[in-house]
Amino acid sequence: MVFMKEKATSFDIAHLAGVSQSTVSRALNNSPLVNQETRDRVQRIARELNYKVDKNASNLRKQKSSTIALLLFEDPTSDDSMINPFFLAMLGSITRACAHANYDLLVSFQNLDDDWHAEYEDSNKADGIILLGYGDYTDYQNKVAQLESQGTHFVRWGAPDEAHPGISIGCDNYQGGQSITEHLIKLGKRSFAFIGDNGEHAPEFKARFNGYFDALKKHGLSSTSVQRDAISTEDAGSQAVKSLLESGELPNAFVCASDLIAMGVLRALRQANVNVPDDVAVVGYDNIAVSAYTTPSLTTVQQNTKLAGELLVNTLLKAINNEDVQDYLMPADVIIRQSCGSE
């Protein structure tokens, strides 16, 4: 038996049960997100402490907080930010859209807590969640499913997923990959390398690859294509180039799944004394700010981050207000600079 001199709180229960306060809240409400053993332990301790739920506080938690949580997935970066620079550009637009709607914005990393997917709306920290980035999507799908099962209001940046419709705002990555490849073909390029994952782990990269490859097939050039997996970092791009140089498969053109990969490709080619764009062309994807200042400046595909932020916030607010929402794909625009030469 546990004895307390003062009125017990949910934090006392959490301490004794060895769980978080939000887990206590869900356990006391018989949430299926908490396993039966933990629920039984929490409820037993609550009875021993003669703990009573504060109905006024409970009702208060059901009211809107006028706050949106923005959860960023940590990415490997060359600095200490651990934030993909593409999302930094979107962050300003999301902040402005929240302010316009009279909402506060709470920004955090997704992997600070294994229970991030259940932490925010349950504890009244936020009325809904915006998700940016995901790591390996095959693992991430489970948390998306959990958010849906508990009725959390959320929206994510990324490719639409047939298993989870109506929660995604993204760019038409297929069209972007196709358009940038068509541009290279018009420049006379006849052999190609795609640098980036084209599997289920990264749906955006896969869509870019599919657009790229279909453009090559249309012109009878698919047999000239090689592909190297790479996550969205400069080092991954550099390693892919070194692999191709060692195999003797240097193409006319590198189509990179992100600008960060493309910057690594440029670095490795420069180190190998391969001239860009005279010897080979290099193109990226995302049009992050630094892509205009690489040597040579990078031809890339632009995703409209201003519109993206507005759509993410407005779609989430519709979901919070129980209005119908749907997936949305924005068009992609080719930004022509020096790294692929000219006609």
C-alpha atoms as a PDB file:
ATOM      1  CA  MET A   1       0.000   0.000   0.000  1.00  0.00           C
ATOM      2  CA  VAL A   2       1.236   3.502  -0.935  1.00  0.00           C
ATOM      3  CA  PHE A   3       0.555   6.392   1.497  1.00  0.00           C
ATOM      4  CA  MET A   4       0.569  10.091   0.546  1.00  0.00           C
ATOM      5  CA  LYS A   5       0.279  12.965   3.043  1.00  0.00           C
ATOM      6  CA  GLU A   6      -1.062  15.426   0.467  1.00  0.00           C
ATOM      7  CA  LYS A   7      -3.608  15.114  -2.327  1.00  0.00           C
ATOM      8  CA  ALA A   8      -2.179  12.882  -5.045  1.00  0.00           C
ATOM      9  CA  THR A   9      -1.633  14.138  -8.578  1.00  0.00           C
ATOM     10  CA  SER A  10      -1.218  12.383 -11.905  1.00  0.00           C
ATOM     11  CA  PHE A  11       2.490  13.199 -11.690  1.00  0.00           C
ATOM     12  CA  ASP A  12       2.701  11.178  -8.450  1.00  0.00           C
ATOM     13  CA  ILE A  13       1.100   8.229 -10.238  1.00  0.00           C
ATOM     14  CA  ALA A  14       3.480   8.639 -13.175  1.00  0.00           C
ATOM     15  CA  HIS A  15       6.491   8.580 -10.840  1.00  0.00           C
ATOM     16  CA  LEU A  16       5.344   5.464  -9.017  1.00  0.00           C
ATOM     17  CA  ALA A  17       4.287   3.665 -12.196  1.00  0.00           C
ATOM     18  CA  GLY A  18       7.456   4.585 -14.081  1.00  0.00           C
ATOM     19  CA  VAL A  19       5.584   6.140 -17.020  1.00  0.00           C
ATOM     20  CA  SER A  20       4.926   9.626 -18.424  1.00  0.00           C
ATOM     21  CA  GLN A  21       2.105  11.837 -17.163  1.00  0.00           C
ATOM     22  CA  SER A  22       0.384  11.633 -20.567  1.00  0.00           C
ATOM     23  CA  THR A  23       0.478   7.823 -20.330  1.00  0.00           C
ATOM     24  CA  VAL A  24      -1.237   8.072 -16.942  1.00  0.00           C
ATOM     25  CA  SER A  25      -3.950  10.227 -18.502  1.00  0.00           C
ATOM     26  CA  ARG A  26      -4.538   7.728 -21.293  1.00  0.00           C
ATOM     27  CA  ALA A  27      -4.428   4.736 -18.930  1.00  0.00           C
ATOM     28  CA  LEU A  28      -7.041   6.263 -16.646  1.00  0.00           C
ATOM     29  CA  ASN A  29      -9.225   6.799 -19.706  1.00  0.00           C
ATOM     30  CA  ASN A  30      -8.700   3.164 -20.826  1.00  0.00           C
ATOM     31  CA  SER A  31      -6.976   4.252 -24.034  1.00  0.00           C
ATOM     32  CA  PRO A  32      -6.050   1.319 -26.311  1.00  0.00           C
ATOM     33  CA  LEU A  33      -2.723   3.083 -26.939  1.00  0.00           C
ATOM     34  CA  VAL A  34      -1.613   1.873 -23.482  1.00  0.00           C
ATOM     35  CA  ASN A  35      -1.090  -1.859 -23.061  1.00  0.00           C
ATOM     36  CA  GLN A  36      -3.271  -3.700 -20.560  1.00  0.00           C
ATOM     37  CA  GLU A  37      -0.477  -4.382 -18.081  1.00  0.00           C
ATOM     38  CA  THR A  38       0.430  -0.700 -17.851  1.00  0.00           C
ATOM     39  CA  ARG A  39      -3.230   0.330 -17.607  1.00  0.00           C
ATOM     40  CA  ASP A  40      -3.779  -2.100 -14.719  1.00  0.00           C
ATOM     41  CA  ARG A  41      -0.656  -0.867 -12.899  1.00  0.00           C
ATOM     42  CA  VAL A  42      -1.588   2.816 -13.285  1.00  0.00           C
ATOM     43  CA  GLN A  43      -5.196   2.259 -12.234  1.00  0.00           C
ATOM     44  CA  ARG A  44      -4.123   0.192  -9.214  1.00  0.00           C
ATOM     45  CA  ILE A  45      -1.755   2.953  -8.035  1.00  0.00           C
ATOM     46  CA  ALA A  46      -4.479   5.561  -8.602  1.00  0.00           C
ATOM     47  CA  ARG A  47      -6.855   3.590  -6.378  1.00  0.00           C
ATOM     48  CA  GLU A  48      -4.200   3.194  -3.673  1.00  0.00           C
ATOM     49  CA  LEU A  49      -3.581   6.945  -3.718  1.00  0.00           C
ATOM     50  CA  ASN A  50      -7.324   7.627  -3.673  1.00  0.00           C
ATOM     51  CA  TYR A  51      -6.739   9.697  -6.802  1.00  0.00           C
ATOM     52  CA  LYS A  52      -9.766  11.457  -8.290  1.00  0.00           C
ATOM     53  CA  VAL A  53      -9.830  12.964 -11.766  1.00  0.00           C
ATOM     54  CA  ASP A  54     -10.312  16.732 -11.678  1.00  0.00           C
ATOM     55  CA  LYS A  55     -13.412  17.119 -13.821  1.00  0.00           C
ATOM     56  CA  ASN A  56     -12.891  20.852 -14.272  1.00  0.00           C
ATOM     57  CA  ALA A  57      -9.359  20.290 -15.531  1.00  0.00           C
ATOM     58  CA  SER A  58     -10.593  17.471 -17.746  1.00  0.00           C
ATOM     59  CA  ASN A  59     -13.193  19.718 -19.330  1.00  0.00           C
ATOM     60  CA  LEU A  60     -10.608  22.449 -19.794  1.00  0.00           C
ATOM     61  CA  ARG A  61      -8.376  20.026 -21.665  1.00  0.00           C
ATOM     62  CA  LYS A  62     -11.167  19.347 -24.141  1.00  0.00           C
ATOM     63  CA  GLN A  63     -11.248  23.004 -25.162  1.00  0.00           C
ATOM     64  CA  LYS A  64      -9.122  24.291 -28.003  1.00  0.00           C
ATOM     65  CA  SER A  65      -5.662  25.540 -27.165  1.00  0.00           C
ATOM     66  CA  SER A  66      -5.346  27.732 -30.290  1.00  0.00           C
ATOM     67  CA  THR A  67      -1.930  26.140 -30.780  1.00  0.00           C
ATOM     68  CA  ILE A  68      -0.563  23.995 -33.609  1.00  0.00           C
ATOM     69  CA  ALA A  69       2.367  21.644 -33.030  1.00  0.00           C
ATOM     70  CA  LEU A  70       4.969  21.433 -35.782  1.00  0.00           C
ATOM     71  CA  LEU A  71       7.027  18.267 -35.398  1.00  0.00           C
ATOM     72  CA  LEU A  72      10.269  18.066 -37.359  1.00  0.00           C
ATOM     73  CA  PHE A  73      12.109  14.829 -37.967  1.00  0.00           C
ATOM     74  CA  GLU A  74      15.831  15.118 -37.253  1.00  0.00           C
ATOM     75  CA  ASP A  75      17.949  14.789 -40.390  1.00  0.00           C
ATOM     76  CA  PRO A  76      21.713  14.345 -40.689  1.00  0.00           C
ATOM     77  CA  THR A  77      23.134  17.759 -41.622  1.00  0.00           C
ATOM     78  CA  SER A  78      26.547  19.361 -42.056  1.00  0.00           C
ATOM     79  CA  ASP A  79      25.764  21.802 -39.220  1.00  0.00           C
ATOM     80  CA  ASP A  80      24.237  21.417 -35.756  1.00  0.00           C
ATOM     81  CA  SER A  81      20.657  22.217 -36.776  1.00  0.00           C
ATOM     82  CA  MET A  82      19.658  18.626 -37.671  1.00  0.00           C
ATOM     83  CA  ILE A  83      16.948  20.195 -39.876  1.00  0.00           C
ATOM     84  CA  ASN A  84      16.750  19.695 -43.627  1.00  0.00           C
ATOM     85  CA  PRO A  85      17.243  23.220 -45.095  1.00  0.00           C
ATOM     86  CA  PHE A  86      14.222  22.661 -47.350  1.00  0.00           C
ATOM     87  CA  PHE A  87      12.027  22.596 -44.237  1.00  0.00           C
ATOM     88  CA  LEU A  88      13.646  25.751 -42.875  1.00  0.00           C
ATOM     89  CA  ALA A  89      12.258  27.616 -45.889  1.00  0.00           C
ATOM     90  CA  MET A  90       8.794  26.174 -45.219  1.00  0.00           C
ATOM     91  CA  LEU A  91       8.946  27.052 -41.511  1.00  0.00           C
ATOM     92  CA  GLY A  92       8.586  30.788 -42.186  1.00  0.00           C
ATOM     93  CA  SER A  93       5.461  30.262 -44.281  1.00  0.00           C
ATOM     94  CA  ILE A  94       3.904  27.974 -41.649  1.00  0.00           C
ATOM     95  CA  THR A  95       4.609  30.545 -38.919  1.00  0.00           C
ATOM     96  CA  ARG A  96       2.981  33.355 -40.935  1.00  0.00           C
ATOM     97  CA  ALA A  97      -0.053  31.229 -41.784  1.00  0.00           C
ATOM     98  CA  CYS A  98      -0.521  30.346 -38.098  1.00  0.00           C
ATOM     99  CA  ALA A  99      -0.268  34.005 -37.089  1.00  0.00           C
ATOM    100  CA  HIS A 100      -2.824  34.957 -39.750  1.00  0.00           C
ATOM    101  CA  ALA A 101      -5.221  32.376 -38.269  1.00  0.00           C
ATOM    102  CA  ASN A 102      -4.522  33.620 -34.704  1.00  0.00           C
ATOM    103  CA  TYR A 103      -2.816  30.349 -33.755  1.00  0.00           C
ATOM    104  CA  ASP A 104       0.418  29.896 -31.842  1.00  0.00           C
ATOM    105  CA  LEU A 105       3.030  27.512 -33.227  1.00  0.00           C
ATOM    106  CA  LEU A 106       4.837  24.973 -31.032  1.00  0.00           C
ATOM    107  CA  VAL A 107       7.944  23.572 -32.751  1.00  0.00           C
ATOM    108  CA  SER A 108       9.645  20.367 -31.626  1.00  0.00           C
ATOM    109  CA  PHE A 109      11.577  17.367 -32.910  1.00  0.00           C
ATOM    110  CA  GLN A 110       9.612  14.175 -33.489  1.00  0.00           C
ATOM    111  CA  ASN A 111      12.130  11.826 -31.935  1.00  0.00           C
ATOM    112  CA  LEU A 112      12.597  13.537 -28.578  1.00  0.00           C
ATOM    113  CA  ASP A 113      10.103  11.012 -27.215  1.00  0.00           C
ATOM    114  CA  ASP A 114       9.093   7.628 -28.625  1.00  0.00           C
ATOM    115  CA  ASP A 115       5.543   8.635 -27.760  1.00  0.00           C
ATOM    116  CA  TRP A 116       5.572  11.871 -29.797  1.00  0.00           C
ATOM    117  CA  HIS A 117       2.644  10.696 -31.923  1.00  0.00           C
ATOM    118  CA  ALA A 118       0.321  10.660 -28.890  1.00  0.00           C
ATOM    119  CA  GLU A 119       1.791  13.474 -26.822  1.00  0.00           C
ATOM    120  CA  TYR A 120       0.356  16.735 -28.136  1.00  0.00           C
ATOM    121  CA  GLU A 121      -3.386  16.729 -28.695  1.00  0.00           C
ATOM    122  CA  ASP A 122      -3.961  14.308 -25.797  1.00  0.00           C
ATOM    123  CA  SER A 123      -2.314  16.691 -23.330  1.00  0.00           C
ATOM    124  CA  ASN A 124      -3.921  19.827 -24.810  1.00  0.00           C
ATOM    125  CA  LYS A 125      -0.558  21.179 -25.916  1.00  0.00           C
ATOM    126  CA  ALA A 126      -1.995  21.615 -29.389  1.00  0.00           C
ATOM    127  CA  ASP A 127      -5.224  21.269 -31.346  1.00  0.00           C
ATOM    128  CA  GLY A 128      -3.449  19.520 -34.189  1.00  0.00           C
ATOM    129  CA  ILE A 129      -0.083  18.496 -35.587  1.00  0.00           C
ATOM    130  CA  ILE A 130       1.932  19.259 -38.735  1.00  0.00           C
ATOM    131  CA  LEU A 131       4.560  16.621 -39.545  1.00  0.00           C
ATOM    132  CA  LEU A 132       7.669  17.491 -41.576  1.00  0.00           C
ATOM    133  CA  GLY A 133      10.054  14.689 -42.558  1.00  0.00           C
ATOM    134  CA  TYR A 134       9.870  11.062 -41.573  1.00  0.00           C
ATOM    135  CA  GLY A 135      13.126   9.119 -41.989  1.00  0.00           C
ATOM    136  CA  ASP A 136      12.207   5.649 -43.261  1.00  0.00           C
ATOM    137  CA  TYR A 137       8.573   5.762 -44.394  1.00  0.00           C
ATOM    138  CA  THR A 138       8.064   2.019 -43.963  1.00  0.00           C
ATOM    139  CA  ASP A 139       8.599   2.528 -40.220  1.00  0.00           C
ATOM    140  CA  TYR A 140       6.799   5.876 -40.083  1.00  0.00           C
ATOM    141  CA  GLN A 141       3.515   4.467 -41.424  1.00  0.00           C
ATOM    142  CA  ASN A 142       2.835   2.781 -38.079  1.00  0.00           C
ATOM    143  CA  LYS A 143       2.806   6.107 -36.247  1.00  0.00           C
ATOM    144  CA  VAL A 144       0.603   7.677 -38.922  1.00  0.00           C
ATOM    145  CA  ALA A 145      -1.847   4.817 -38.385  1.00  0.00           C
ATOM    146  CA  GLN A 146      -1.761   5.378 -34.611  1.00  0.00           C
ATOM    147  CA  LEU A 147      -2.527   9.071 -35.041  1.00  0.00           C
ATOM    148  CA  GLU A 148      -5.515   8.165 -37.183  1.00  0.00           C
ATOM    149  CA  SER A 149      -6.754   5.491 -34.772  1.00  0.00           C
ATOM    150  CA  GLN A 150      -6.792   7.896 -31.810  1.00  0.00           C
ATOM    151  CA  GLY A 151      -8.553  10.627 -33.814  1.00  0.00           C
ATOM    152  CA  THR A 152      -5.695  13.143 -33.694  1.00  0.00           C
ATOM    153  CA  HIS A 153      -5.985  16.031 -36.115  1.00  0.00           C
ATOM    154  CA  PHE A 154      -2.854  16.110 -38.237  1.00  0.00           C
ATOM    155  CA  VAL A 155      -1.458  16.755 -41.692  1.00  0.00           C
ATOM    156  CA  ARG A 156       1.912  15.821 -43.165  1.00  0.00           C
ATOM    157  CA  TRP A 157       4.183  17.090 -45.904  1.00  0.00           C
ATOM    158  CA  GLY A 158       4.884  14.329 -48.371  1.00  0.00           C
ATOM    159  CA  ALA A 159       3.633  12.053 -51.107  1.00  0.00           C
ATOM    160  CA  PRO A 160      -0.013  10.898 -50.864  1.00  0.00           C
ATOM    161  CA  ASP A 161      -0.466   7.448 -49.370  1.00  0.00           C
ATOM    162  CA  GLU A 162      -3.452   5.384 -50.516  1.00  0.00           C
ATOM    163  CA  ALA A 163      -3.529   3.703 -47.102  1.00  0.00           C
ATOM    164  CA  HIS A 164      -3.867   7.091 -45.377  1.00  0.00           C
ATOM    165  CA  PRO A 165      -5.786   9.455 -47.696  1.00  0.00           C
ATOM    166  CA  GLY A 166      -6.591  13.076 -46.985  1.00  0.00           C
ATOM    167  CA  ILE A 167      -3.643  13.914 -44.726  1.00  0.00           C
ATOM    168  CA  SER A 168      -0.856  14.809 -47.197  1.00  0.00           C
ATOM    169  CA  ILE A 169       0.220  18.053 -48.826  1.00  0.00           C
ATOM    170  CA  GLY A 170       3.089  17.668 -51.263  1.00  0.00           C
ATOM    171  CA  CYS A 171       4.676  18.399 -54.599  1.00  0.00           C
ATOM    172  CA  ASP A 172       4.042  16.509 -57.843  1.00  0.00           C
ATOM    173  CA  ASN A 173       7.383  14.745 -57.618  1.00  0.00           C
ATOM    174  CA  TYR A 174       6.688  12.566 -60.654  1.00  0.00           C
ATOM    175  CA  GLN A 175       6.135  15.643 -62.805  1.00  0.00           C
ATOM    176  CA  GLY A 176       9.206  17.330 -61.334  1.00  0.00           C
ATOM    177  CA  GLY A 177      11.447  14.339 -62.078  1.00  0.00           C
ATOM    178  CA  GLN A 178      10.017  14.073 -65.578  1.00  0.00           C
ATOM    179  CA  SER A 179      10.379  17.797 -66.361  1.00  0.00           C
ATOM    180  CA  ILE A 180      14.006  18.095 -65.256  1.00  0.00           C
ATOM    181  CA  THR A 181      14.939  14.975 -67.239  1.00  0.00           C
ATOM    182  CA  GLU A 182      13.170  16.259 -70.367  1.00  0.00           C
ATOM    183  CA  HIS A 183      15.226  19.443 -70.036  1.00  0.00           C
ATOM    184  CA  LEU A 184      18.465  17.449 -69.991  1.00  0.00           C
ATOM    185  CA  ILE A 185      17.394  15.394 -73.004  1.00  0.00           C
ATOM    186  CA  LYS A 186      16.700  18.603 -74.941  1.00  0.00           C
ATOM    187  CA  LEU A 187      20.263  19.661 -74.112  1.00  0.00           C
ATOM    188  CA  GLY A 188      21.504  16.524 -75.871  1.00  0.00           C
ATOM    189  CA  LYS A 189      22.343  14.381 -72.860  1.00  0.00           C
ATOM    190  CA  ARG A 190      22.207  10.681 -73.693  1.00  0.00           C
ATOM    191  CA  SER A 191      23.431   8.778 -70.614  1.00  0.00           C
ATOM    192  CA  PHE A 192      22.142   9.281 -67.102  1.00  0.00           C
ATOM    193  CA  ALA A 193      22.568   8.458 -63.421  1.00  0.00           C
ATOM    194  CA  PHE A 194      19.836   8.908 -60.837  1.00  0.00           C
ATOM    195  CA  ILE A 195      21.237   9.460 -57.335  1.00  0.00           C
ATOM    196  CA  GLY A 196      18.695   8.727 -54.601  1.00  0.00           C
ATOM    197  CA  ASP A 197      16.603   5.913 -53.167  1.00  0.00           C
ATOM    198  CA  ASN A 198      13.874   4.654 -55.528  1.00  0.00           C
ATOM    199  CA  GLY A 199      12.202   2.226 -53.107  1.00  0.00           C
ATOM    200  CA  GLU A 200       9.351   2.294 -50.606  1.00  0.00           C
ATOM    201  CA  HIS A 201      11.521   3.869 -47.895  1.00  0.00           C
ATOM    202  CA  ALA A 202      11.318   7.317 -49.554  1.00  0.00           C
ATOM    203  CA  PRO A 203       8.078   7.845 -51.554  1.00  0.00           C
ATOM    204  CA  GLU A 204       9.081  11.335 -52.763  1.00  0.00           C
ATOM    205  CA  PHE A 205      12.400  10.083 -54.134  1.00  0.00           C
ATOM    206  CA  LYS A 206      10.639   7.121 -55.738  1.00  0.00           C
ATOM    207  CA  ALA A 207       8.162   9.410 -57.520  1.00  0.00           C
ATOM    208  CA  ARG A 208      11.040  11.583 -58.782  1.00  0.00           C
ATOM    209  CA  PHE A 209      12.795   8.467 -60.066  1.00  0.00           C
ATOM    210  CA  ASN A 210       9.638   7.233 -61.805  1.00  0.00           C
ATOM    211  CA  GLY A 211       9.201  10.565 -63.590  1.00  0.00           C
ATOM    212  CA  TYR A 212      12.875  10.543 -64.585  1.00  0.00           C
ATOM    213  CA  PHE A 213      12.786   6.961 -65.859  1.00  0.00           C
ATOM    214  CA  ASP A 214       9.555   7.396 -67.822  1.00  0.00           C
ATOM    215  CA  ALA A 215      11.060  10.427 -69.574  1.00  0.00           C
ATOM    216  CA  LEU A 216      14.048   8.298 -70.571  1.00  0.00           C
ATOM    217  CA  LYS A 217      11.780   5.479 -71.821  1.00  0.00           C
ATOM    218  CA  LYS A 218       9.790   7.940 -73.911  1.00  0.00           C
ATOM    219  CA  HIS A 219      12.992   8.867 -75.780  1.00  0.00           C
ATOM    220  CA  GLY A 220      14.448   5.352 -75.925  1.00  0.00           C
ATOM    221  CA  LEU A 221      17.166   6.156 -73.403  1.00  0.00           C
ATOM    222  CA  SER A 222      16.216   3.969 -70.419  1.00  0.00           C
ATOM    223  CA  SER A 223      19.018   1.497 -71.155  1.00  0.00           C
ATOM    224  CA  THR A 224      21.559   4.280 -70.565  1.00  0.00           C
ATOM    225  CA  SER A 225      20.431   4.806 -66.958  1.00  0.00           C
ATOM    226  CA  VAL A 226      22.216   3.750 -63.786  1.00  0.00           C
ATOM    227  CA  GLN A 227      20.983   4.374 -60.247  1.00  0.00           C
ATOM    228  CA  ARG A 228      22.687   4.677 -56.895  1.00  0.00           C
ATOM    229  CA  ASP A 229      20.891   4.812 -53.537  1.00  0.00           C
ATOM    230  CA  ALA A 230      21.564   7.897 -51.440  1.00  0.00           C
ATOM    231  CA  ILE A 231      19.928   9.574 -48.461  1.00  0.00           C
ATOM    232  CA  SER A 232      19.552  13.343 -48.637  1.00  0.00           C
ATOM    233  CA  THR A 233      23.067  14.385 -47.606  1.00  0.00           C
ATOM    234  CA  GLU A 234      26.135  15.766 -49.376  1.00  0.00           C
ATOM    235  CA  ASP A 235      28.250  12.820 -48.234  1.00  0.00           C
ATOM    236  CA  ALA A 236      25.808  10.354 -49.778  1.00  0.00           C
ATOM    237  CA  GLY A 237      26.014  12.203 -53.090  1.00  0.00           C
ATOM    238  CA  SER A 238      29.806  12.176 -52.984  1.00  0.00           C
ATOM    239  CA  GLN A 239      29.944   8.455 -52.252  1.00  0.00           C
ATOM    240  CA  ALA A 240      27.622   7.717 -55.171  1.00  0.00           C
ATOM    241  CA  VAL A 241      29.915   9.583 -57.573  1.00  0.00           C
ATOM    242  CA  LYS A 242      32.975   7.769 -56.274  1.00  0.00           C
ATOM    243  CA  SER A 243      31.187   4.454 -56.848  1.00  0.00           C
ATOM    244  CA  LEU A 244      30.406   5.380 -60.451  1.00  0.00           C
ATOM    245  CA  LEU A 245      33.952   6.627 -61.116  1.00  0.00           C
ATOM    246  CA  GLU A 246      35.378   3.360 -59.792  1.00  0.00           C
ATOM    247  CA  SER A 247      33.063   1.352 -62.053  1.00  0.00           C
ATOM    248  CA  GLY A 248      33.792   3.478 -65.109  1.00  0.00           C
ATOM    249  CA  GLU A 249      30.099   4.360 -65.560  1.00  0.00           C
ATOM    250  CA  LEU A 250      30.355   8.153 -65.660  1.00  0.00           C
ATOM    251  CA  PRO A 251      27.199   9.462 -67.412  1.00  0.00           C
ATOM    252  CA  ASN A 252      26.458  12.655 -69.352  1.00  0.00           C
ATOM    253  CA  ALA A 253      24.059  13.791 -66.662  1.00  0.00           C
ATOM    254  CA  PHE A 254      23.403  13.293 -62.945  1.00  0.00           C
ATOM    255  CA  VAL A 255      19.788  13.626 -61.836  1.00  0.00           C
ATOM    256  CA  CYS A 256      19.835  13.973 -58.048  1.00  0.00           C
ATOM    257  CA  ALA A 257      16.846  13.385 -55.780  1.00  0.00           C
ATOM    258  CA  SER A 258      17.676  16.472 -53.682  1.00  0.00           C
ATOM    259  CA  ASP A 259      19.870  19.564 -53.778  1.00  0.00           C
ATOM    260  CA  LEU A 260      21.923  18.263 -50.849  1.00  0.00           C
ATOM    261  CA  ILE A 261      22.762  15.119 -52.814  1.00  0.00           C
ATOM    262  CA  ALA A 262      23.576  17.257 -55.866  1.00  0.00           C
ATOM    263  CA  MET A 263      26.000  19.409 -53.852  1.00  0.00           C
ATOM    264  CA  GLY A 264      27.851  16.279 -52.812  1.00  0.00           C
ATOM    265  CA  VAL A 265      27.935  15.167 -56.446  1.00  0.00           C
ATOM    266  CA  LEU A 266      29.408  18.527 -57.489  1.00  0.00           C
ATOM    267  CA  ARG A 267      32.065  18.257 -54.787  1.00  0.00           C
ATOM    268  CA  ALA A 268      33.136  14.745 -55.772  1.00  0.00           C
ATOM    269  CA  LEU A 269      33.252  15.602 -59.477  1.00  0.00           C
ATOM    270  CA  ARG A 270      35.374  18.670 -58.752  1.00  0.00           C
ATOM    271  CA  GLN A 271      37.767  16.557 -56.690  1.00  0.00           C
ATOM    272  CA  ALA A 272      38.007  14.092 -59.603  1.00  0.00           C
ATOM    273  CA  ASN A 273      38.742  16.964 -62.056  1.00  0.00           C
ATOM    274  CA  VAL A 274      35.501  16.342 -63.950  1.00  0.00           C
ATOM    275  CA  ASN A 275      34.171  19.630 -65.299  1.00  0.00           C
ATOM    276  CA  VAL A 276      30.537  20.632 -64.733  1.00  0.00           C
ATOM    277  CA  PRO A 277      28.774  21.372 -67.054  1.00  0.00           C
ATOM    278  CA  ASP A 278      31.295  20.802 -69.887  1.00  0.00           C
ATOM    279  CA  ASP A 279      31.920  17.117 -69.121  1.00  0.00           C
ATOM    280  CA  VAL A 280      28.714  16.240 -67.278  1.00  0.00           C
ATOM    281  CA  ALA A 281      25.513  18.007 -66.221  1.00  0.00           C
ATOM    282  CA  VAL A 282      24.199  17.930 -62.649  1.00  0.00           C
ATOM    283  CA  VAL A 283      20.673  18.802 -61.516  1.00  0.00           C
ATOM    284  CA  GLY A 284      19.062  18.744 -58.076  1.00  0.00           C
ATOM    285  CA  TYR A 285      15.629  18.998 -56.495  1.00  0.00           C
ATOM    286  CA  ASP A 286      14.152  21.390 -53.869  1.00  0.00           C
ATOM    287  CA  ASN A 287      15.734  24.756 -54.786  1.00  0.00           C
ATOM    288  CA  ILE A 288      17.065  25.330 -51.282  1.00  0.00           C
ATOM    289  CA  ALA A 289      18.610  28.786 -50.845  1.00  0.00           C
ATOM    290  CA  VAL A 290      22.239  27.683 -51.170  1.00  0.00           C
ATOM    291  CA  SER A 291      21.621  25.982 -54.553  1.00  0.00           C
ATOM    292  CA  ALA A 292      21.924  29.361 -56.291  1.00  0.00           C
ATOM    293  CA  TYR A 293      25.421  29.828 -54.851  1.00  0.00           C
ATOM    294  CA  THR A 294      27.117  26.503 -55.594  1.00  0.00           C
ATOM    295  CA  THR A 295      29.933  26.360 -58.157  1.00  0.00           C
ATOM    296  CA  PRO A 296      28.487  26.193 -60.734  1.00  0.00           C
ATOM    297  CA  SER A 297      25.034  27.327 -59.638  1.00  0.00           C
ATOM    298  CA  LEU A 298      22.632  24.405 -59.523  1.00  0.00           C
ATOM    299  CA  THR A 299      19.805  23.725 -61.932  1.00  0.00           C
ATOM    300  CA  THR A 300      17.026  22.297 -59.810  1.00  0.00           C
ATOM    301  CA  VAL A 301      13.309  21.755 -59.263  1.00  0.00           C
ATOM    302  CA  GLN A 302      11.426  24.225 -57.120  1.00  0.00           C
ATOM    303  CA  GLN A 303       8.699  23.299 -54.666  1.00  0.00           C
ATOM    304  CA  ASN A 304       6.627  26.295 -53.624  1.00  0.00           C
ATOM    305  CA  THR A 305       7.397  26.458 -49.891  1.00  0.00           C
ATOM    306  CA  LYS A 306       5.235  29.554 -49.356  1.00  0.00           C
ATOM    307  CA  LEU A 307       2.152  27.813 -50.750  1.00  0.00           C
ATOM    308  CA  ALA A 308       3.118  24.592 -48.952  1.00  0.00           C
ATOM    309  CA  GLY A 309       3.107  26.261 -45.532  1.00  0.00           C
ATOM    310  CA  GLU A 310      -0.241  27.916 -46.185  1.00  0.00           C
ATOM    311  CA  LEU A 311      -1.825  24.672 -47.379  1.00  0.00           C
ATOM    312  CA  LEU A 312      -0.494  22.686 -44.418  1.00  0.00           C
ATOM    313  CA  VAL A 313      -1.925  25.137 -41.893  1.00  0.00           C
ATOM    314  CA  ASN A 314      -5.241  25.719 -43.680  1.00  0.00           C
ATOM    315  CA  THR A 315      -5.813  21.993 -44.246  1.00  0.00           C
ATOM    316  CA  LEU A 316      -5.088  21.236 -40.590  1.00  0.00           C
ATOM    317  CA  LEU A 317      -7.474  23.953 -39.430  1.00  0.00           C
ATOM    318  CA  LYS A 318     -10.204  22.442 -41.610  1.00  0.00           C
ATOM    319  CA  ALA A 319      -9.567  19.053 -40.023  1.00  0.00           C
ATOM    320  CA  ILE A 320      -9.688  20.582 -36.532  1.00  0.00           C
ATOM    321  CA  ASN A 321     -13.076  22.084 -37.435  1.00  0.00           C
ATOM    322  CA  ASN A 322     -14.252  18.697 -38.737  1.00  0.00           C
ATOM    323  CA  GLU A 323     -14.420  19.875 -42.351  1.00  0.00           C
ATOM    324  CA  ASP A 324     -13.588  17.564 -45.247  1.00  0.00           C
ATOM    325  CA  VAL A 325      -9.929  17.579 -46.291  1.00  0.00           C
ATOM    326  CA  GLN A 326      -8.095  15.959 -49.184  1.00  0.00           C
ATOM    327  CA  ASP A 327      -4.565  15.332 -50.414  1.00  0.00           C
ATOM    328  CA  TYR A 328      -3.074  18.078 -52.573  1.00  0.00           C
ATOM    329  CA  LEU A 329      -0.136  17.998 -55.003  1.00  0.00           C
ATOM    330  CA  MET A 330       1.483  21.262 -56.071  1.00  0.00           C
ATOM    331  CA  PRO A 331       3.126  21.584 -59.511  1.00  0.00           C
ATOM    332  CA  ALA A 332       6.932  21.594 -59.662  1.00  0.00           C
ATOM    333  CA  ASP A 333       8.954  24.190 -61.606  1.00  0.00           C
ATOM    334  CA  VAL A 334      12.360  23.727 -63.229  1.00  0.00           C
ATOM    335  CA  ILE A 335      14.859  26.440 -62.224  1.00  0.00           C
ATOM    336  CA  ILE A 336      17.597  26.645 -64.871  1.00  0.00           C
ATOM    337  CA  ARG A 337      21.093  27.681 -63.778  1.00  0.00           C
ATOM    338  CA  GLN A 338      24.659  26.870 -64.835  1.00  0.00           C
ATOM    339  CA  SER A 339      25.163  23.244 -63.783  1.00  0.00           C
ATOM    340  CA  CYS A 340      23.621  21.669 -66.881  1.00  0.00           C
ATOM    341  CA  GLY A 341      24.980  24.068 -69.502  1.00  0.00           C
ATOM    342  CA  SER A 342      22.874  25.520 -72.296  1.00  0.00           C
ATOM    343  CA  GLU A 343      21.497  24.484 -75.660  1.00  0.00           C
END
